[in-house]
Amino acid sequence: VFFFGRIFTTYEAYQEKDAKSSAVLQENVTGVRVVKAFARQDYETEKYETANAARYADGQRLVLLHALYWPVSHALCAAQAETLAGF
């Protein structure tokens, strides 16, 4: 329950940030002429890099949680199997 609660929360945050960074990128690709006309390339680049960095950080946290959960889960199952094998 502890791990899945954390993983679910982190995964939801990751998905939200992924959607935001994708939306920023899509808006810039679609409106490239407007961005260039108003010389907003630097602003839009920074906006995307900020959104993408937030997505990356949440992705790293999600990977870390998975890296912690699965080995602990397998170790507990193996210990339980060893205990039951003794009966």
PDB file of N, CA and C in Angstrom:
ATOM      1  N   VAL A   1       0.842  -1.184   0.000  1.00  0.00           N
ATOM      2  CA  VAL A   1       0.000   0.000   0.000  1.00  0.00           C
ATOM      3  C   VAL A   1       0.887   1.246   0.000  1.00  0.00           C
ATOM      4  N   PHE A   2       1.932   1.215   0.811  1.00  0.00           N
ATOM      5  CA  PHE A   2       2.838   2.366   0.882  1.00  0.00           C
ATOM      6  C   PHE A   2       3.473   2.657  -0.478  1.00  0.00           C
ATOM      7  N   PHE A   3       4.044   1.627  -1.090  1.00  0.00           N
ATOM      8  CA  PHE A   3       4.718   1.827  -2.372  1.00  0.00           C
ATOM      9  C   PHE A   3       3.745   2.208  -3.475  1.00  0.00           C
ATOM     10  N   PHE A   4       2.626   1.500  -3.565  1.00  0.00           N
ATOM     11  CA  PHE A   4       1.695   1.798  -4.643  1.00  0.00           C
ATOM     12  C   PHE A   4       1.079   3.182  -4.500  1.00  0.00           C
ATOM     13  N   GLY A   5       0.868   3.636  -3.281  1.00  0.00           N
ATOM     14  CA  GLY A   5       0.377   4.998  -3.077  1.00  0.00           C
ATOM     15  C   GLY A   5       1.364   6.024  -3.588  1.00  0.00           C
ATOM     16  N   ARG A   6       2.623   5.817  -3.267  1.00  0.00           N
ATOM     17  CA  ARG A   6       3.665   6.736  -3.730  1.00  0.00           C
ATOM     18  C   ARG A   6       3.851   6.656  -5.241  1.00  0.00           C
ATOM     19  N   ILE A   7       3.877   5.454  -5.763  1.00  0.00           N
ATOM     20  CA  ILE A   7       4.065   5.292  -7.201  1.00  0.00           C
ATOM     21  C   ILE A   7       2.897   5.900  -7.963  1.00  0.00           C
ATOM     22  N   PHE A   8       1.683   5.676  -7.488  1.00  0.00           N
ATOM     23  CA  PHE A   8       0.512   6.230  -8.169  1.00  0.00           C
ATOM     24  C   PHE A   8       0.564   7.757  -8.176  1.00  0.00           C
ATOM     25  N   THR A   9       0.874   8.358  -7.038  1.00  0.00           N
ATOM     26  CA  THR A   9       0.941   9.813  -6.944  1.00  0.00           C
ATOM     27  C   THR A   9       2.024  10.376  -7.854  1.00  0.00           C
ATOM     28  N   THR A  10       3.178   9.736  -7.848  1.00  0.00           N
ATOM     29  CA  THR A  10       4.284  10.192  -8.686  1.00  0.00           C
ATOM     30  C   THR A  10       3.973   9.993 -10.160  1.00  0.00           C
ATOM     31  N   TYR A  11       3.333   8.880 -10.495  1.00  0.00           N
ATOM     32  CA  TYR A  11       2.968   8.622 -11.886  1.00  0.00           C
ATOM     33  C   TYR A  11       1.956   9.648 -12.384  1.00  0.00           C
ATOM     34  N   GLU A  12       0.996  10.003 -11.565  1.00  0.00           N
ATOM     35  CA  GLU A  12       0.016  11.021 -11.955  1.00  0.00           C
ATOM     36  C   GLU A  12       0.698  12.367 -12.188  1.00  0.00           C
ATOM     37  N   ALA A  13       1.626  12.735 -11.309  1.00  0.00           N
ATOM     38  CA  ALA A  13       2.366  13.992 -11.474  1.00  0.00           C
ATOM     39  C   ALA A  13       3.198  13.953 -12.755  1.00  0.00           C
ATOM     40  N   TYR A  14       3.817  12.805 -13.025  1.00  0.00           N
ATOM     41  CA  TYR A  14       4.610  12.653 -14.243  1.00  0.00           C
ATOM     42  C   TYR A  14       3.726  12.807 -15.482  1.00  0.00           C
ATOM     43  N   GLN A  15       2.589  12.166 -15.484  1.00  0.00           N
ATOM     44  CA  GLN A  15       1.681  12.247 -16.627  1.00  0.00           C
ATOM     45  C   GLN A  15       1.216  13.685 -16.864  1.00  0.00           C
ATOM     46  N   GLU A  16       0.944  14.397 -15.767  1.00  0.00           N
ATOM     47  CA  GLU A  16       0.500  15.791 -15.881  1.00  0.00           C
ATOM     48  C   GLU A  16       1.614  16.657 -16.483  1.00  0.00           C
ATOM     49  N   LYS A  17       2.829  16.458 -16.019  1.00  0.00           N
ATOM     50  CA  LYS A  17       3.947  17.251 -16.529  1.00  0.00           C
ATOM     51  C   LYS A  17       4.278  16.860 -17.973  1.00  0.00           C
ATOM     52  N   ASP A  18       4.107  15.591 -18.307  1.00  0.00           N
ATOM     53  CA  ASP A  18       4.323  15.141 -19.675  1.00  0.00           C
ATOM     54  C   ASP A  18       3.314  15.800 -20.611  1.00  0.00           C
ATOM     55  N   ALA A  19       2.077  15.866 -20.181  1.00  0.00           N
ATOM     56  CA  ALA A  19       1.045  16.512 -20.989  1.00  0.00           C
ATOM     57  C   ALA A  19       1.347  18.000 -21.169  1.00  0.00           C
ATOM     58  N   LYS A  20       1.812  18.637 -20.107  1.00  0.00           N
ATOM     59  CA  LYS A  20       2.119  20.067 -20.192  1.00  0.00           C
ATOM     60  C   LYS A  20       3.271  20.328 -21.155  1.00  0.00           C
ATOM     61  N   SER A  21       4.346  19.542 -21.045  1.00  0.00           N
ATOM     62  CA  SER A  21       5.488  19.758 -21.939  1.00  0.00           C
ATOM     63  C   SER A  21       5.110  19.449 -23.392  1.00  0.00           C
ATOM     64  N   SER A  22       4.285  18.442 -23.597  1.00  0.00           N
ATOM     65  CA  SER A  22       3.823  18.123 -24.956  1.00  0.00           C
ATOM     66  C   SER A  22       2.945  19.237 -25.517  1.00  0.00           C
ATOM     67  N   ALA A  23       2.110  19.817 -24.671  1.00  0.00           N
ATOM     68  CA  ALA A  23       1.248  20.916 -25.112  1.00  0.00           C
ATOM     69  C   ALA A  23       2.071  22.141 -25.485  1.00  0.00           C
ATOM     70  N   VAL A  24       3.083  22.445 -24.685  1.00  0.00           N
ATOM     71  CA  VAL A  24       3.944  23.593 -24.992  1.00  0.00           C
ATOM     72  C   VAL A  24       4.654  23.373 -26.324  1.00  0.00           C
ATOM     73  N   LEU A  25       5.179  22.181 -26.527  1.00  0.00           N
ATOM     74  CA  LEU A  25       5.867  21.861 -27.773  1.00  0.00           C
ATOM     75  C   LEU A  25       4.913  21.940 -28.961  1.00  0.00           C
ATOM     76  N   GLN A  26       3.739  21.372 -28.811  1.00  0.00           N
ATOM     77  CA  GLN A  26       2.763  21.379 -29.895  1.00  0.00           C
ATOM     78  C   GLN A  26       2.329  22.806 -30.245  1.00  0.00           C
ATOM     79  N   GLU A  27       2.126  23.648 -29.235  1.00  0.00           N
ATOM     80  CA  GLU A  27       1.754  25.040 -29.486  1.00  0.00           C
ATOM     81  C   GLU A  27       2.848  25.772 -30.250  1.00  0.00           C
ATOM     82  N   ASN A  28       4.100  25.496 -29.883  1.00  0.00           N
ATOM     83  CA  ASN A  28       5.201  26.172 -30.561  1.00  0.00           C
ATOM     84  C   ASN A  28       5.389  25.695 -31.997  1.00  0.00           C
ATOM     85  N   VAL A  29       5.192  24.427 -32.229  1.00  0.00           N
ATOM     86  CA  VAL A  29       5.320  23.913 -33.595  1.00  0.00           C
ATOM     87  C   VAL A  29       4.193  24.459 -34.466  1.00  0.00           C
ATOM     88  N   THR A  30       2.994  24.490 -33.921  1.00  0.00           N
ATOM     89  CA  THR A  30       1.859  24.986 -34.690  1.00  0.00           C
ATOM     90  C   THR A  30       1.962  26.489 -34.931  1.00  0.00           C
ATOM     91  N   GLY A  31       2.423  27.220 -33.934  1.00  0.00           N
ATOM     92  CA  GLY A  31       2.490  28.676 -34.057  1.00  0.00           C
ATOM     93  C   GLY A  31       3.884  29.198 -34.294  1.00  0.00           C
ATOM     94  N   VAL A  32       4.703  28.434 -35.002  1.00  0.00           N
ATOM     95  CA  VAL A  32       6.092  28.826 -35.223  1.00  0.00           C
ATOM     96  C   VAL A  32       6.200  30.182 -35.919  1.00  0.00           C
ATOM     97  N   ARG A  33       5.305  30.470 -36.824  1.00  0.00           N
ATOM     98  CA  ARG A  33       5.353  31.761 -37.532  1.00  0.00           C
ATOM     99  C   ARG A  33       5.056  32.923 -36.593  1.00  0.00           C
ATOM    100  N   VAL A  34       4.114  32.729 -35.707  1.00  0.00           N
ATOM    101  CA  VAL A  34       3.775  33.781 -34.744  1.00  0.00           C
ATOM    102  C   VAL A  34       4.934  33.996 -33.772  1.00  0.00           C
ATOM    103  N   VAL A  35       5.516  32.900 -33.310  1.00  0.00           N
ATOM    104  CA  VAL A  35       6.649  32.995 -32.385  1.00  0.00           C
ATOM    105  C   VAL A  35       7.796  33.745 -33.054  1.00  0.00           C
ATOM    106  N   LYS A  36       8.081  33.425 -34.291  1.00  0.00           N
ATOM    107  CA  LYS A  36       9.155  34.101 -35.015  1.00  0.00           C
ATOM    108  C   LYS A  36       8.800  35.565 -35.303  1.00  0.00           C
ATOM    109  N   ALA A  37       7.549  35.831 -35.637  1.00  0.00           N
ATOM    110  CA  ALA A  37       7.132  37.197 -35.960  1.00  0.00           C
ATOM    111  C   ALA A  37       7.311  38.127 -34.763  1.00  0.00           C
ATOM    112  N   PHE A  38       7.064  37.619 -33.562  1.00  0.00           N
ATOM    113  CA  PHE A  38       7.194  38.437 -32.365  1.00  0.00           C
ATOM    114  C   PHE A  38       8.534  38.227 -31.648  1.00  0.00           C
ATOM    115  N   ALA A  39       9.452  37.515 -32.297  1.00  0.00           N
ATOM    116  CA  ALA A  39      10.793  37.263 -31.755  1.00  0.00           C
ATOM    117  C   ALA A  39      10.732  36.697 -30.339  1.00  0.00           C
ATOM    118  N   ARG A  40       9.909  35.666 -30.164  1.00  0.00           N
ATOM    119  CA  ARG A  40       9.715  35.040 -28.852  1.00  0.00           C
ATOM    120  C   ARG A  40      10.396  33.685 -28.747  1.00  0.00           C
ATOM    121  N   GLN A  41      11.379  33.423 -29.584  1.00  0.00           N
ATOM    122  CA  GLN A  41      12.042  32.127 -29.584  1.00  0.00           C
ATOM    123  C   GLN A  41      12.683  31.814 -28.232  1.00  0.00           C
ATOM    124  N   ASP A  42      13.404  32.775 -27.672  1.00  0.00           N
ATOM    125  CA  ASP A  42      14.077  32.531 -26.394  1.00  0.00           C
ATOM    126  C   ASP A  42      13.073  32.274 -25.279  1.00  0.00           C
ATOM    127  N   TYR A  43      12.001  33.058 -25.264  1.00  0.00           N
ATOM    128  CA  TYR A  43      10.972  32.877 -24.232  1.00  0.00           C
ATOM    129  C   TYR A  43      10.328  31.497 -24.349  1.00  0.00           C
ATOM    130  N   GLU A  44       9.960  31.120 -25.551  1.00  0.00           N
ATOM    131  CA  GLU A  44       9.296  29.834 -25.758  1.00  0.00           C
ATOM    132  C   GLU A  44      10.246  28.663 -25.507  1.00  0.00           C
ATOM    133  N   THR A  45      11.509  28.835 -25.841  1.00  0.00           N
ATOM    134  CA  THR A  45      12.497  27.792 -25.556  1.00  0.00           C
ATOM    135  C   THR A  45      12.627  27.588 -24.056  1.00  0.00           C
ATOM    136  N   GLU A  46      12.723  28.683 -23.319  1.00  0.00           N
ATOM    137  CA  GLU A  46      12.826  28.600 -21.859  1.00  0.00           C
ATOM    138  C   GLU A  46      11.563  27.979 -21.257  1.00  0.00           C
ATOM    139  N   LYS A  47      10.430  28.337 -21.792  1.00  0.00           N
ATOM    140  CA  LYS A  47       9.149  27.787 -21.310  1.00  0.00           C
ATOM    141  C   LYS A  47       9.121  26.270 -21.495  1.00  0.00           C
ATOM    142  N   TYR A  48       9.559  25.801 -22.660  1.00  0.00           N
ATOM    143  CA  TYR A  48       9.575  24.360 -22.912  1.00  0.00           C
ATOM    144  C   TYR A  48      10.613  23.668 -22.041  1.00  0.00           C
ATOM    145  N   GLU A  49      11.799  24.261 -21.918  1.00  0.00           N
ATOM    146  CA  GLU A  49      12.847  23.639 -21.106  1.00  0.00           C
ATOM    147  C   GLU A  49      12.432  23.521 -19.642  1.00  0.00           C
ATOM    148  N   THR A  50      11.719  24.504 -19.141  1.00  0.00           N
ATOM    149  CA  THR A  50      11.223  24.450 -17.765  1.00  0.00           C
ATOM    150  C   THR A  50      10.216  23.314 -17.602  1.00  0.00           C
ATOM    151  N   ALA A  51       9.268  23.227 -18.537  1.00  0.00           N
ATOM    152  CA  ALA A  51       8.255  22.166 -18.474  1.00  0.00           C
ATOM    153  C   ALA A  51       8.907  20.791 -18.629  1.00  0.00           C
ATOM    154  N   ASN A  52       9.870  20.693 -19.501  1.00  0.00           N
ATOM    155  CA  ASN A  52      10.531  19.406 -19.736  1.00  0.00           C
ATOM    156  C   ASN A  52      11.407  19.005 -18.546  1.00  0.00           C
ATOM    157  N   ALA A  53      12.046  19.971 -17.902  1.00  0.00           N
ATOM    158  CA  ALA A  53      12.872  19.665 -16.726  1.00  0.00           C
ATOM    159  C   ALA A  53      12.006  19.149 -15.580  1.00  0.00           C
ATOM    160  N   ALA A  54      10.816  19.713 -15.419  1.00  0.00           N
ATOM    161  CA  ALA A  54       9.900  19.245 -14.374  1.00  0.00           C
ATOM    162  C   ALA A  54       9.449  17.817 -14.675  1.00  0.00           C
ATOM    163  N   ARG A  55       9.177  17.529 -15.940  1.00  0.00           N
ATOM    164  CA  ARG A  55       8.783  16.174 -16.347  1.00  0.00           C
ATOM    165  C   ARG A  55       9.924  15.193 -16.105  1.00  0.00           C
ATOM    166  N   TYR A  56      11.128  15.603 -16.432  1.00  0.00           N
ATOM    167  CA  TYR A  56      12.296  14.753 -16.242  1.00  0.00           C
ATOM    168  C   TYR A  56      12.493  14.422 -14.761  1.00  0.00           C
ATOM    169  N   ALA A  57      12.357  15.428 -13.898  1.00  0.00           N
ATOM    170  CA  ALA A  57      12.538  15.205 -12.459  1.00  0.00           C
ATOM    171  C   ALA A  57      11.511  14.215 -11.928  1.00  0.00           C
ATOM    172  N   ASP A  58      10.265  14.351 -12.340  1.00  0.00           N
ATOM    173  CA  ASP A  58       9.238  13.399 -11.901  1.00  0.00           C
ATOM    174  C   ASP A  58       9.496  12.009 -12.477  1.00  0.00           C
ATOM    175  N   GLY A  59      10.004  11.945 -13.700  1.00  0.00           N
ATOM    176  CA  GLY A  59      10.346  10.654 -14.296  1.00  0.00           C
ATOM    177  C   GLY A  59      11.471   9.961 -13.535  1.00  0.00           C
ATOM    178  N   GLN A  60      12.464  10.731 -13.125  1.00  0.00           N
ATOM    179  CA  GLN A  60      13.555  10.175 -12.335  1.00  0.00           C
ATOM    180  C   GLN A  60      13.043   9.637 -11.002  1.00  0.00           C
ATOM    181  N   ARG A  61      12.141  10.374 -10.372  1.00  0.00           N
ATOM    182  CA  ARG A  61      11.575   9.928  -9.097  1.00  0.00           C
ATOM    183  C   ARG A  61      10.761   8.640  -9.292  1.00  0.00           C
ATOM    184  N   LEU A  62      10.014   8.576 -10.374  1.00  0.00           N
ATOM    185  CA  LEU A  62       9.223   7.383 -10.669  1.00  0.00           C
ATOM    186  C   LEU A  62      10.125   6.168 -10.881  1.00  0.00           C
ATOM    187  N   VAL A  63      11.206   6.341 -11.605  1.00  0.00           N
ATOM    188  CA  VAL A  63      12.158   5.248 -11.834  1.00  0.00           C
ATOM    189  C   VAL A  63      12.777   4.811 -10.510  1.00  0.00           C
ATOM    190  N   LEU A  64      13.118   5.764  -9.658  1.00  0.00           N
ATOM    191  CA  LEU A  64      13.700   5.431  -8.354  1.00  0.00           C
ATOM    192  C   LEU A  64      12.719   4.626  -7.502  1.00  0.00           C
ATOM    193  N   LEU A  65      11.471   5.044  -7.483  1.00  0.00           N
ATOM    194  CA  LEU A  65      10.472   4.305  -6.705  1.00  0.00           C
ATOM    195  C   LEU A  65      10.298   2.881  -7.228  1.00  0.00           C
ATOM    196  N   HIS A  66      10.268   2.735  -8.541  1.00  0.00           N
ATOM    197  CA  HIS A  66      10.172   1.386  -9.118  1.00  0.00           C
ATOM    198  C   HIS A  66      11.414   0.569  -8.783  1.00  0.00           C
ATOM    199  N   ALA A  67      12.582   1.196  -8.819  1.00  0.00           N
ATOM    200  CA  ALA A  67      13.826   0.491  -8.516  1.00  0.00           C
ATOM    201  C   ALA A  67      13.871   0.046  -7.058  1.00  0.00           C
ATOM    202  N   LEU A  68      13.203   0.761  -6.194  1.00  0.00           N
ATOM    203  CA  LEU A  68      13.146   0.360  -4.790  1.00  0.00           C
ATOM    204  C   LEU A  68      12.058  -0.680  -4.540  1.00  0.00           C
ATOM    205  N   TYR A  69      10.920  -0.514  -5.196  1.00  0.00           N
ATOM    206  CA  TYR A  69       9.775  -1.382  -4.930  1.00  0.00           C
ATOM    207  C   TYR A  69      10.015  -2.829  -5.358  1.00  0.00           C
ATOM    208  N   TRP A  70      10.413  -3.039  -6.598  1.00  0.00           N
ATOM    209  CA  TRP A  70      10.479  -4.398  -7.125  1.00  0.00           C
ATOM    210  C   TRP A  70      11.497  -5.277  -6.407  1.00  0.00           C
ATOM    211  N   PRO A  71      12.704  -4.823  -6.113  1.00  0.00           N
ATOM    212  CA  PRO A  71      13.618  -5.696  -5.363  1.00  0.00           C
ATOM    213  C   PRO A  71      13.103  -6.025  -3.966  1.00  0.00           C
ATOM    214  N   VAL A  72      12.520  -5.047  -3.296  1.00  0.00           N
ATOM    215  CA  VAL A  72      11.978  -5.295  -1.954  1.00  0.00           C
ATOM    216  C   VAL A  72      10.826  -6.297  -2.049  1.00  0.00           C
ATOM    217  N   SER A  73       9.977  -6.131  -3.020  1.00  0.00           N
ATOM    218  CA  SER A  73       8.844  -7.031  -3.213  1.00  0.00           C
ATOM    219  C   SER A  73       9.318  -8.461  -3.485  1.00  0.00           C
ATOM    220  N   HIS A  74      10.306  -8.609  -4.355  1.00  0.00           N
ATOM    221  CA  HIS A  74      10.815  -9.944  -4.669  1.00  0.00           C
ATOM    222  C   HIS A  74      11.516 -10.575  -3.465  1.00  0.00           C
ATOM    223  N   ALA A  75      12.231  -9.773  -2.708  1.00  0.00           N
ATOM    224  CA  ALA A  75      12.904 -10.300  -1.515  1.00  0.00           C
ATOM    225  C   ALA A  75      11.883 -10.789  -0.493  1.00  0.00           C
ATOM    226  N   LEU A  76      10.811 -10.047  -0.306  1.00  0.00           N
ATOM    227  CA  LEU A  76       9.765 -10.467   0.630  1.00  0.00           C
ATOM    228  C   LEU A  76       9.076 -11.747   0.162  1.00  0.00           C
ATOM    229  N   CYS A  77       8.814 -11.832  -1.123  1.00  0.00           N
ATOM    230  CA  CYS A  77       8.189 -13.052  -1.662  1.00  0.00           C
ATOM    231  C   CYS A  77       9.122 -14.249  -1.526  1.00  0.00           C
ATOM    232  N   ALA A  78      10.404 -14.034  -1.780  1.00  0.00           N
ATOM    233  CA  ALA A  78      11.376 -15.127  -1.651  1.00  0.00           C
ATOM    234  C   ALA A  78      11.487 -15.573  -0.201  1.00  0.00           C
ATOM    235  N   ALA A  79      11.491 -14.616   0.722  1.00  0.00           N
ATOM    236  CA  ALA A  79      11.565 -14.965   2.150  1.00  0.00           C
ATOM    237  C   ALA A  79      10.319 -15.735   2.577  1.00  0.00           C
ATOM    238  N   GLN A  80       9.176 -15.334   2.050  1.00  0.00           N
ATOM    239  CA  GLN A  80       7.927 -16.022   2.379  1.00  0.00           C
ATOM    240  C   GLN A  80       7.949 -17.442   1.813  1.00  0.00           C
ATOM    241  N   ALA A  81       8.453 -17.595   0.605  1.00  0.00           N
ATOM    242  CA  ALA A  81       8.528 -18.915  -0.028  1.00  0.00           C
ATOM    243  C   ALA A  81       9.472 -19.829   0.756  1.00  0.00           C
ATOM    244  N   GLU A  82      10.578 -19.299   1.229  1.00  0.00           N
ATOM    245  CA  GLU A  82      11.523 -20.087   2.040  1.00  0.00           C
ATOM    246  C   GLU A  82      10.884 -20.508   3.350  1.00  0.00           C
ATOM    247  N   THR A  83      10.123 -19.614   3.954  1.00  0.00           N
ATOM    248  CA  THR A  83       9.454 -19.920   5.215  1.00  0.00           C
ATOM    249  C   THR A  83       8.408 -21.017   5.019  1.00  0.00           C
ATOM    250  N   LEU A  84       7.645 -20.900   3.929  1.00  0.00           N
ATOM    251  CA  LEU A  84       6.608 -21.896   3.659  1.00  0.00           C
ATOM    252  C   LEU A  84       7.206 -23.237   3.226  1.00  0.00           C
ATOM    253  N   ALA A  85       8.373 -23.209   2.615  1.00  0.00           N
ATOM    254  CA  ALA A  85       9.009 -24.450   2.172  1.00  0.00           C
ATOM    255  C   ALA A  85       9.459 -25.296   3.359  1.00  0.00           C
ATOM    256  N   GLY A  86       9.680 -24.657   4.506  1.00  0.00           N
ATOM    257  CA  GLY A  86      10.119 -25.385   5.690  1.00  0.00           C
ATOM    258  C   GLY A  86       8.992 -26.178   6.353  1.00  0.00           C
ATOM    259  N   PHE A  87       7.756 -25.920   5.984  1.00  0.00           N
ATOM    260  CA  PHE A  87       6.641 -26.626   6.612  1.00  0.00           C
ATOM    261  C   PHE A  87       6.437 -27.974   6.007  1.00  0.00           C
TER     262      PHE A  87
END
